[in-house]
Amino acid sequence: MTGDEPVIRIRGLRNQFGEQVVHENLDLDVRRGEIIGVVGGSGSGKSVLLRSIIGLGHPAAGSIRLFGEEVATMSDAKRGMIERRCGVLFQNGALFSSLTVAENVAVALTEHHDIDPDIVHRLALLKIALAGLPLDAADKFPSQLSGGMVKRAALARSLALDPDILFLDEPTAGLDPIGAAAFDQLILTLRNSLGLTVFLITHDLDTLYTICDRVAVLARKRILVADSLDVVETFDDPWVQDYFQGPRGRAAQRAAATSSASQPQGH
């Protein structure tokens, strides 16, 4: 990759299931180090897009490049290297119910590296701490965790291999406002401290206004606009206007403005 090349570059993407076309001529760039929020109505294909990028789906046409490499034509060895640079938090956590939190986090470490079990356990505890969980959560099973703790356990697992890109599918869905706000701040802290690029699917307007550098709107089978919020929220499209200028959108804008005004000068 060149220094200014997007870490994700999508051109002309077409996803189709039978006669149902989900995406048509979709283009999107994701820049290194940014948090980009992807929004769209239900059924617009946000999760399908994520799965296509990480290689779990097979587009009918178009190009997806990760770190400058074409996903569709990668060798198995190259694909394995690229996969280790991507961490994924699925919408419902997707934790293995029969494994403890520490064992869930350790799966990727033991699968990809020949490491002493004691070191694997220590690394798992480190990732659990990074995700903001107490260390006593390590020995608990997913069924013993609250919804917010499940999200953080899944985040710890997604960080196991020190990824360059973090993919998050509705990470704050089902969380109360306090828990969602805390999770947003955690993602922002991790991006800033670890230099992550974050691809974030969300419906949460507070998340968009709190942590996203850019927002991409997925509608009518393509990306309508991908830009900073001040540009996106005034984009001339009925769905965009309903989403950002409705009561919840205006409330999120006011909250973001209030938070920004309360920050100390120089921060």
C-alpha atoms as a PDB file:
ATOM      1  CA  MET A   1       0.000   0.000   0.000  1.00  0.00           C
ATOM      2  CA  THR A   2       1.014   3.592  -0.580  1.00  0.00           C
ATOM      3  CA  GLY A   3       0.754   5.907   2.407  1.00  0.00           C
ATOM      4  CA  ASP A   4      -2.416   7.635   1.190  1.00  0.00           C
ATOM      5  CA  GLU A   5      -4.194   4.556  -0.195  1.00  0.00           C
ATOM      6  CA  PRO A   6      -7.449   3.653   1.601  1.00  0.00           C
ATOM      7  CA  VAL A   7      -7.226   0.582   3.833  1.00  0.00           C
ATOM      8  CA  ILE A   8     -10.566  -0.457   2.310  1.00  0.00           C
ATOM      9  CA  ARG A   9     -11.403   0.414  -1.295  1.00  0.00           C
ATOM     10  CA  ILE A  10     -14.689  -0.726  -2.850  1.00  0.00           C
ATOM     11  CA  ARG A  11     -15.631  -0.080  -6.460  1.00  0.00           C
ATOM     12  CA  GLY A  12     -18.698  -1.161  -8.424  1.00  0.00           C
ATOM     13  CA  LEU A  13     -19.863  -3.659  -5.799  1.00  0.00           C
ATOM     14  CA  ARG A  14     -22.883  -5.769  -6.647  1.00  0.00           C
ATOM     15  CA  ASN A  15     -24.410  -8.194  -4.147  1.00  0.00           C
ATOM     16  CA  GLN A  16     -27.309 -10.331  -5.266  1.00  0.00           C
ATOM     17  CA  PHE A  17     -29.293 -13.221  -3.776  1.00  0.00           C
ATOM     18  CA  GLY A  18     -31.315 -14.896  -6.472  1.00  0.00           C
ATOM     19  CA  GLU A  19     -33.205 -12.093  -8.173  1.00  0.00           C
ATOM     20  CA  GLN A  20     -32.868  -9.760  -5.180  1.00  0.00           C
ATOM     21  CA  VAL A  21     -30.177  -7.138  -5.789  1.00  0.00           C
ATOM     22  CA  VAL A  22     -28.916  -5.754  -2.485  1.00  0.00           C
ATOM     23  CA  HIS A  23     -26.078  -3.549  -3.751  1.00  0.00           C
ATOM     24  CA  GLU A  24     -25.503  -2.140  -7.218  1.00  0.00           C
ATOM     25  CA  ASN A  25     -22.472  -0.097  -8.278  1.00  0.00           C
ATOM     26  CA  LEU A  26     -21.502   0.634  -4.669  1.00  0.00           C
ATOM     27  CA  ASP A  27     -18.304   2.615  -4.068  1.00  0.00           C
ATOM     28  CA  LEU A  28     -16.663   3.366  -0.716  1.00  0.00           C
ATOM     29  CA  ASP A  29     -13.227   4.233   0.654  1.00  0.00           C
ATOM     30  CA  VAL A  30     -12.204   3.824   4.296  1.00  0.00           C
ATOM     31  CA  ARG A  31      -9.172   5.792   5.397  1.00  0.00           C
ATOM     32  CA  ARG A  32      -6.488   4.602   7.764  1.00  0.00           C
ATOM     33  CA  GLY A  33      -7.149   5.601  11.384  1.00  0.00           C
ATOM     34  CA  GLU A  34     -10.684   6.895  10.951  1.00  0.00           C
ATOM     35  CA  ILE A  35     -13.937   5.816  12.559  1.00  0.00           C
ATOM     36  CA  ILE A  36     -16.506   5.591   9.789  1.00  0.00           C
ATOM     37  CA  GLY A  37     -20.158   5.005  10.644  1.00  0.00           C
ATOM     38  CA  VAL A  38     -22.354   3.207   8.114  1.00  0.00           C
ATOM     39  CA  VAL A  39     -26.064   3.942   8.359  1.00  0.00           C
ATOM     40  CA  GLY A  40     -29.084   2.896   6.332  1.00  0.00           C
ATOM     41  CA  GLY A  41     -32.610   1.656   6.665  1.00  0.00           C
ATOM     42  CA  SER A  42     -33.501  -1.894   7.664  1.00  0.00           C
ATOM     43  CA  GLY A  43     -32.821  -4.224   4.747  1.00  0.00           C
ATOM     44  CA  SER A  44     -30.415  -1.823   3.040  1.00  0.00           C
ATOM     45  CA  GLY A  45     -27.608  -4.376   3.242  1.00  0.00           C
ATOM     46  CA  LYS A  46     -25.268  -2.943   5.863  1.00  0.00           C
ATOM     47  CA  SER A  47     -24.325  -6.323   7.340  1.00  0.00           C
ATOM     48  CA  VAL A  48     -24.079  -7.819   3.842  1.00  0.00           C
ATOM     49  CA  LEU A  49     -21.559  -5.109   3.003  1.00  0.00           C
ATOM     50  CA  LEU A  50     -19.511  -5.900   6.105  1.00  0.00           C
ATOM     51  CA  ARG A  51     -19.532  -9.617   5.334  1.00  0.00           C
ATOM     52  CA  SER A  52     -18.408  -8.933   1.771  1.00  0.00           C
ATOM     53  CA  ILE A  53     -15.470  -6.854   2.961  1.00  0.00           C
ATOM     54  CA  ILE A  54     -14.211  -9.501   5.387  1.00  0.00           C
ATOM     55  CA  GLY A  55     -14.657 -12.311   2.872  1.00  0.00           C
ATOM     56  CA  LEU A  56     -17.710 -14.060   4.342  1.00  0.00           C
ATOM     57  CA  GLY A  57     -19.801 -13.162   1.314  1.00  0.00           C
ATOM     58  CA  HIS A  58     -19.110 -13.469  -2.395  1.00  0.00           C
ATOM     59  CA  PRO A  59     -20.164 -10.425  -4.424  1.00  0.00           C
ATOM     60  CA  ALA A  60     -21.600 -10.915  -7.889  1.00  0.00           C
ATOM     61  CA  ALA A  61     -19.433  -8.126  -9.301  1.00  0.00           C
ATOM     62  CA  GLY A  62     -17.097  -5.335  -8.327  1.00  0.00           C
ATOM     63  CA  SER A  63     -13.804  -4.929  -6.513  1.00  0.00           C
ATOM     64  CA  ILE A  64     -12.969  -4.951  -2.793  1.00  0.00           C
ATOM     65  CA  ARG A  65      -9.394  -4.195  -1.802  1.00  0.00           C
ATOM     66  CA  LEU A  66      -8.140  -4.619   1.774  1.00  0.00           C
ATOM     67  CA  PHE A  67      -4.718  -3.140   2.512  1.00  0.00           C
ATOM     68  CA  GLY A  68      -4.239  -2.846  -1.246  1.00  0.00           C
ATOM     69  CA  GLU A  69      -5.015  -6.529  -1.909  1.00  0.00           C
ATOM     70  CA  GLU A  70      -7.958  -7.714  -4.004  1.00  0.00           C
ATOM     71  CA  VAL A  71     -10.138  -9.862  -1.709  1.00  0.00           C
ATOM     72  CA  ALA A  72     -11.625 -12.031  -4.468  1.00  0.00           C
ATOM     73  CA  THR A  73      -8.284 -13.191  -5.889  1.00  0.00           C
ATOM     74  CA  MET A  74      -6.250 -13.657  -2.695  1.00  0.00           C
ATOM     75  CA  SER A  75      -4.385 -16.882  -2.161  1.00  0.00           C
ATOM     76  CA  ASP A  76      -5.295 -18.822   0.967  1.00  0.00           C
ATOM     77  CA  ALA A  77      -2.019 -17.773   2.579  1.00  0.00           C
ATOM     78  CA  LYS A  78      -2.588 -14.106   1.799  1.00  0.00           C
ATOM     79  CA  ARG A  79      -6.193 -14.333   2.974  1.00  0.00           C
ATOM     80  CA  GLY A  80      -5.031 -15.750   6.285  1.00  0.00           C
ATOM     81  CA  MET A  81      -2.601 -12.875   6.748  1.00  0.00           C
ATOM     82  CA  ILE A  82      -5.287 -10.295   5.919  1.00  0.00           C
ATOM     83  CA  GLU A  83      -7.850 -11.933   8.220  1.00  0.00           C
ATOM     84  CA  ARG A  84      -5.440 -11.659  11.145  1.00  0.00           C
ATOM     85  CA  ARG A  85      -5.345  -7.894  10.575  1.00  0.00           C
ATOM     86  CA  CYS A  86      -9.133  -7.616  10.961  1.00  0.00           C
ATOM     87  CA  GLY A  87     -11.128  -7.904  14.172  1.00  0.00           C
ATOM     88  CA  VAL A  88     -14.896  -8.395  13.999  1.00  0.00           C
ATOM     89  CA  LEU A  89     -17.586  -7.814  16.615  1.00  0.00           C
ATOM     90  CA  PHE A  90     -20.822  -9.342  15.342  1.00  0.00           C
ATOM     91  CA  GLN A  91     -24.181  -7.884  16.325  1.00  0.00           C
ATOM     92  CA  ASN A  92     -25.063 -10.464  18.988  1.00  0.00           C
ATOM     93  CA  GLY A  93     -21.517 -11.093  20.149  1.00  0.00           C
ATOM     94  CA  ALA A  94     -21.348 -14.608  18.624  1.00  0.00           C
ATOM     95  CA  LEU A  95     -19.422 -15.929  21.620  1.00  0.00           C
ATOM     96  CA  PHE A  96     -18.988 -19.677  22.059  1.00  0.00           C
ATOM     97  CA  SER A  97     -21.483 -20.482  24.797  1.00  0.00           C
ATOM     98  CA  SER A  98     -19.530 -23.495  26.077  1.00  0.00           C
ATOM     99  CA  LEU A  99     -16.311 -21.499  26.600  1.00  0.00           C
ATOM    100  CA  THR A 100     -15.448 -18.964  29.273  1.00  0.00           C
ATOM    101  CA  VAL A 101     -14.668 -15.388  28.302  1.00  0.00           C
ATOM    102  CA  ALA A 102     -10.936 -16.051  28.548  1.00  0.00           C
ATOM    103  CA  GLU A 103     -11.278 -19.198  26.436  1.00  0.00           C
ATOM    104  CA  ASN A 104     -13.286 -17.284  23.833  1.00  0.00           C
ATOM    105  CA  VAL A 105     -10.541 -14.685  23.574  1.00  0.00           C
ATOM    106  CA  ALA A 106      -7.857 -17.381  23.454  1.00  0.00           C
ATOM    107  CA  VAL A 107      -9.397 -19.196  20.462  1.00  0.00           C
ATOM    108  CA  ALA A 108      -7.841 -16.912  17.854  1.00  0.00           C
ATOM    109  CA  LEU A 109      -4.491 -16.879  19.657  1.00  0.00           C
ATOM    110  CA  THR A 110      -4.219 -20.661  19.762  1.00  0.00           C
ATOM    111  CA  GLU A 111      -5.511 -21.050  16.207  1.00  0.00           C
ATOM    112  CA  HIS A 112      -2.986 -18.694  14.630  1.00  0.00           C
ATOM    113  CA  HIS A 113       0.032 -18.941  16.929  1.00  0.00           C
ATOM    114  CA  ASP A 114       2.021 -21.674  18.637  1.00  0.00           C
ATOM    115  CA  ILE A 115       2.245 -20.016  22.050  1.00  0.00           C
ATOM    116  CA  ASP A 116       2.731 -21.381  25.538  1.00  0.00           C
ATOM    117  CA  PRO A 117      -0.726 -21.801  27.193  1.00  0.00           C
ATOM    118  CA  ASP A 118       0.285 -19.630  30.132  1.00  0.00           C
ATOM    119  CA  ILE A 119       1.213 -16.783  27.785  1.00  0.00           C
ATOM    120  CA  VAL A 120      -2.067 -17.265  25.879  1.00  0.00           C
ATOM    121  CA  HIS A 121      -3.973 -16.885  29.136  1.00  0.00           C
ATOM    122  CA  ARG A 122      -2.046 -13.757  30.082  1.00  0.00           C
ATOM    123  CA  LEU A 123      -2.696 -12.238  26.657  1.00  0.00           C
ATOM    124  CA  ALA A 124      -6.399 -13.089  26.978  1.00  0.00           C
ATOM    125  CA  LEU A 125      -6.533 -11.298  30.330  1.00  0.00           C
ATOM    126  CA  LEU A 126      -4.863  -8.270  28.755  1.00  0.00           C
ATOM    127  CA  LYS A 127      -7.501  -8.101  26.003  1.00  0.00           C
ATOM    128  CA  ILE A 128     -10.265  -8.518  28.584  1.00  0.00           C
ATOM    129  CA  ALA A 129      -8.869  -5.574  30.503  1.00  0.00           C
ATOM    130  CA  LEU A 130      -8.572  -3.500  27.313  1.00  0.00           C
ATOM    131  CA  ALA A 131     -12.272  -4.115  26.676  1.00  0.00           C
ATOM    132  CA  GLY A 132     -13.112  -2.658  30.070  1.00  0.00           C
ATOM    133  CA  LEU A 133     -14.160  -5.886  31.771  1.00  0.00           C
ATOM    134  CA  PRO A 134     -13.149  -6.812  35.330  1.00  0.00           C
ATOM    135  CA  LEU A 135     -10.675  -9.668  35.387  1.00  0.00           C
ATOM    136  CA  ASP A 136     -13.102 -11.897  37.292  1.00  0.00           C
ATOM    137  CA  ALA A 137     -15.205 -11.958  34.110  1.00  0.00           C
ATOM    138  CA  ALA A 138     -12.501 -14.111  32.504  1.00  0.00           C
ATOM    139  CA  ASP A 139     -13.786 -17.306  34.123  1.00  0.00           C
ATOM    140  CA  LYS A 140     -17.471 -16.640  33.439  1.00  0.00           C
ATOM    141  CA  PHE A 141     -19.529 -18.131  30.642  1.00  0.00           C
ATOM    142  CA  PRO A 142     -21.513 -15.901  28.253  1.00  0.00           C
ATOM    143  CA  SER A 143     -24.786 -16.919  29.925  1.00  0.00           C
ATOM    144  CA  GLN A 144     -23.495 -15.404  33.175  1.00  0.00           C
ATOM    145  CA  LEU A 145     -22.859 -11.983  31.633  1.00  0.00           C
ATOM    146  CA  SER A 146     -25.092  -8.961  31.191  1.00  0.00           C
ATOM    147  CA  GLY A 147     -25.752  -7.668  27.687  1.00  0.00           C
ATOM    148  CA  GLY A 148     -23.141  -4.963  28.039  1.00  0.00           C
ATOM    149  CA  MET A 149     -20.549  -7.437  29.319  1.00  0.00           C
ATOM    150  CA  VAL A 150     -21.243  -9.759  26.370  1.00  0.00           C
ATOM    151  CA  LYS A 151     -20.485  -6.854  24.011  1.00  0.00           C
ATOM    152  CA  ARG A 152     -17.221  -6.160  25.810  1.00  0.00           C
ATOM    153  CA  ALA A 153     -16.253  -9.840  25.861  1.00  0.00           C
ATOM    154  CA  ALA A 154     -16.852 -10.005  22.114  1.00  0.00           C
ATOM    155  CA  LEU A 155     -14.785  -6.841  21.722  1.00  0.00           C
ATOM    156  CA  ALA A 156     -11.955  -8.439  23.711  1.00  0.00           C
ATOM    157  CA  ARG A 157     -12.036 -11.418  21.344  1.00  0.00           C
ATOM    158  CA  SER A 158     -11.982  -9.117  18.307  1.00  0.00           C
ATOM    159  CA  LEU A 159      -8.819  -7.484  19.700  1.00  0.00           C
ATOM    160  CA  ALA A 160      -7.058 -10.796  20.315  1.00  0.00           C
ATOM    161  CA  LEU A 161      -4.729 -10.622  17.303  1.00  0.00           C
ATOM    162  CA  ASP A 162      -3.984  -6.878  17.546  1.00  0.00           C
ATOM    163  CA  PRO A 163      -5.945  -5.996  14.387  1.00  0.00           C
ATOM    164  CA  ASP A 164      -5.445  -2.940  12.208  1.00  0.00           C
ATOM    165  CA  ILE A 165      -9.160  -2.681  11.342  1.00  0.00           C
ATOM    166  CA  LEU A 166     -12.030  -3.236  13.752  1.00  0.00           C
ATOM    167  CA  PHE A 167     -15.427  -4.089  12.252  1.00  0.00           C
ATOM    168  CA  LEU A 168     -18.381  -3.452  14.572  1.00  0.00           C
ATOM    169  CA  ASP A 169     -21.943  -4.472  13.687  1.00  0.00           C
ATOM    170  CA  GLU A 170     -24.463  -2.544  15.835  1.00  0.00           C
ATOM    171  CA  PRO A 171     -22.183  -2.612  18.915  1.00  0.00           C
ATOM    172  CA  THR A 172     -24.532  -0.561  21.129  1.00  0.00           C
ATOM    173  CA  ALA A 173     -27.784  -2.275  20.105  1.00  0.00           C
ATOM    174  CA  GLY A 174     -29.726  -3.383  23.174  1.00  0.00           C
ATOM    175  CA  LEU A 175     -27.652  -1.354  25.613  1.00  0.00           C
ATOM    176  CA  ASP A 176     -29.126   1.282  27.911  1.00  0.00           C
ATOM    177  CA  PRO A 177     -28.057   4.904  27.191  1.00  0.00           C
ATOM    178  CA  ILE A 178     -25.385   4.903  29.904  1.00  0.00           C
ATOM    179  CA  GLY A 179     -23.927   1.596  28.731  1.00  0.00           C
ATOM    180  CA  ALA A 180     -24.029   2.705  25.099  1.00  0.00           C
ATOM    181  CA  ALA A 181     -22.254   5.980  25.888  1.00  0.00           C
ATOM    182  CA  ALA A 182     -19.558   4.120  27.852  1.00  0.00           C
ATOM    183  CA  PHE A 183     -19.051   1.701  24.955  1.00  0.00           C
ATOM    184  CA  ASP A 184     -18.718   4.613  22.516  1.00  0.00           C
ATOM    185  CA  GLN A 185     -16.008   6.168  24.670  1.00  0.00           C
ATOM    186  CA  LEU A 186     -14.222   2.827  24.892  1.00  0.00           C
ATOM    187  CA  ILE A 187     -14.108   2.541  21.092  1.00  0.00           C
ATOM    188  CA  LEU A 188     -12.814   6.097  20.805  1.00  0.00           C
ATOM    189  CA  THR A 189     -10.120   5.407  23.401  1.00  0.00           C
ATOM    190  CA  LEU A 190      -9.043   2.196  21.677  1.00  0.00           C
ATOM    191  CA  ARG A 191      -8.857   3.916  18.294  1.00  0.00           C
ATOM    192  CA  ASN A 192      -6.748   6.721  19.699  1.00  0.00           C
ATOM    193  CA  SER A 193      -4.427   4.508  21.761  1.00  0.00           C
ATOM    194  CA  LEU A 194      -4.009   1.589  19.347  1.00  0.00           C
ATOM    195  CA  GLY A 195      -4.225   3.439  16.033  1.00  0.00           C
ATOM    196  CA  LEU A 196      -7.175   1.365  14.835  1.00  0.00           C
ATOM    197  CA  THR A 197      -9.340   1.956  11.805  1.00  0.00           C
ATOM    198  CA  VAL A 198     -12.978   1.370  12.778  1.00  0.00           C
ATOM    199  CA  PHE A 199     -15.771   0.361  10.384  1.00  0.00           C
ATOM    200  CA  LEU A 200     -18.949   0.793  12.391  1.00  0.00           C
ATOM    201  CA  ILE A 201     -22.510  -0.174  11.463  1.00  0.00           C
ATOM    202  CA  THR A 202     -25.009   1.545  13.707  1.00  0.00           C
ATOM    203  CA  HIS A 203     -28.482   3.027  14.060  1.00  0.00           C
ATOM    204  CA  ASP A 204     -27.386   4.994  17.122  1.00  0.00           C
ATOM    205  CA  LEU A 205     -27.346   8.708  16.321  1.00  0.00           C
ATOM    206  CA  ASP A 206     -25.502   9.477  19.555  1.00  0.00           C
ATOM    207  CA  THR A 207     -22.714   7.153  18.434  1.00  0.00           C
ATOM    208  CA  LEU A 208     -22.469   8.920  15.081  1.00  0.00           C
ATOM    209  CA  TYR A 209     -22.198  12.359  16.662  1.00  0.00           C
ATOM    210  CA  THR A 210     -19.898  11.268  19.485  1.00  0.00           C
ATOM    211  CA  ILE A 211     -17.161   9.230  17.831  1.00  0.00           C
ATOM    212  CA  CYS A 212     -17.454   9.068  14.028  1.00  0.00           C
ATOM    213  CA  ASP A 213     -15.084  11.023  11.776  1.00  0.00           C
ATOM    214  CA  ARG A 214     -17.228  10.336   8.722  1.00  0.00           C
ATOM    215  CA  VAL A 215     -20.623   8.792   8.017  1.00  0.00           C
ATOM    216  CA  ALA A 216     -21.563   6.736   4.944  1.00  0.00           C
ATOM    217  CA  VAL A 217     -25.250   6.510   4.050  1.00  0.00           C
ATOM    218  CA  LEU A 218     -26.331   3.249   2.386  1.00  0.00           C
ATOM    219  CA  ALA A 219     -29.609   3.598   0.498  1.00  0.00           C
ATOM    220  CA  ARG A 220     -31.022   2.647  -2.896  1.00  0.00           C
ATOM    221  CA  LYS A 221     -28.387  -0.113  -3.145  1.00  0.00           C
ATOM    222  CA  ARG A 222     -25.358   2.200  -3.012  1.00  0.00           C
ATOM    223  CA  ILE A 223     -23.507   4.717  -0.866  1.00  0.00           C
ATOM    224  CA  LEU A 224     -25.320   8.028  -1.364  1.00  0.00           C
ATOM    225  CA  VAL A 225     -22.784  10.113   0.533  1.00  0.00           C
ATOM    226  CA  ALA A 226     -19.729   9.496   2.716  1.00  0.00           C
ATOM    227  CA  ASP A 227     -18.499  12.599   4.454  1.00  0.00           C
ATOM    228  CA  SER A 228     -18.321  14.493   7.737  1.00  0.00           C
ATOM    229  CA  LEU A 229     -21.573  14.837   9.656  1.00  0.00           C
ATOM    230  CA  ASP A 230     -22.030  18.515   8.862  1.00  0.00           C
ATOM    231  CA  VAL A 231     -22.086  17.588   5.172  1.00  0.00           C
ATOM    232  CA  VAL A 232     -24.122  14.393   5.497  1.00  0.00           C
ATOM    233  CA  GLU A 233     -26.879  15.857   7.662  1.00  0.00           C
ATOM    234  CA  THR A 234     -27.667  18.472   4.999  1.00  0.00           C
ATOM    235  CA  PHE A 235     -27.472  16.073   2.039  1.00  0.00           C
ATOM    236  CA  ASP A 236     -30.444  16.505  -0.279  1.00  0.00           C
ATOM    237  CA  ASP A 237     -32.186  13.154   0.053  1.00  0.00           C
ATOM    238  CA  PRO A 238     -35.531  12.370   1.749  1.00  0.00           C
ATOM    239  CA  TRP A 239     -34.226   9.429   3.800  1.00  0.00           C
ATOM    240  CA  VAL A 240     -31.162  11.363   4.951  1.00  0.00           C
ATOM    241  CA  GLN A 241     -33.282  14.338   5.947  1.00  0.00           C
ATOM    242  CA  ASP A 242     -35.783  12.179   7.838  1.00  0.00           C
ATOM    243  CA  TYR A 243     -32.946  10.395   9.646  1.00  0.00           C
ATOM    244  CA  PHE A 244     -30.803  13.368  10.645  1.00  0.00           C
ATOM    245  CA  GLN A 245     -33.375  16.148  10.864  1.00  0.00           C
ATOM    246  CA  GLY A 246     -36.084  14.206  12.720  1.00  0.00           C
ATOM    247  CA  PRO A 247     -36.603  14.574  16.486  1.00  0.00           C
ATOM    248  CA  ARG A 248     -33.925  12.046  17.441  1.00  0.00           C
ATOM    249  CA  GLY A 249     -31.433  13.462  14.996  1.00  0.00           C
ATOM    250  CA  ARG A 250     -31.912  16.997  16.295  1.00  0.00           C
ATOM    251  CA  ALA A 251     -31.610  15.744  19.878  1.00  0.00           C
ATOM    252  CA  ALA A 252     -28.327  14.018  19.036  1.00  0.00           C
ATOM    253  CA  GLN A 253     -27.056  17.201  17.379  1.00  0.00           C
ATOM    254  CA  ARG A 254     -27.904  19.279  20.468  1.00  0.00           C
ATOM    255  CA  ALA A 255     -26.247  16.743  22.777  1.00  0.00           C
ATOM    256  CA  ALA A 256     -23.103  16.733  20.654  1.00  0.00           C
ATOM    257  CA  ALA A 257     -23.010  20.538  20.579  1.00  0.00           C
ATOM    258  CA  THR A 258     -23.439  20.712  24.351  1.00  0.00           C
ATOM    259  CA  SER A 259     -20.700  18.145  24.925  1.00  0.00           C
ATOM    260  CA  SER A 260     -18.334  19.985  22.589  1.00  0.00           C
ATOM    261  CA  ALA A 261     -19.008  23.316  24.277  1.00  0.00           C
ATOM    262  CA  SER A 262     -18.266  21.807  27.709  1.00  0.00           C
ATOM    263  CA  GLN A 263     -14.833  20.495  26.683  1.00  0.00           C
ATOM    264  CA  PRO A 264     -11.888  22.469  28.118  1.00  0.00           C
ATOM    265  CA  GLN A 265     -10.125  24.774  25.672  1.00  0.00           C
ATOM    266  CA  GLY A 266      -7.166  23.121  23.976  1.00  0.00           C
ATOM    267  CA  HIS A 267      -8.687  19.595  24.091  1.00  0.00           C
END
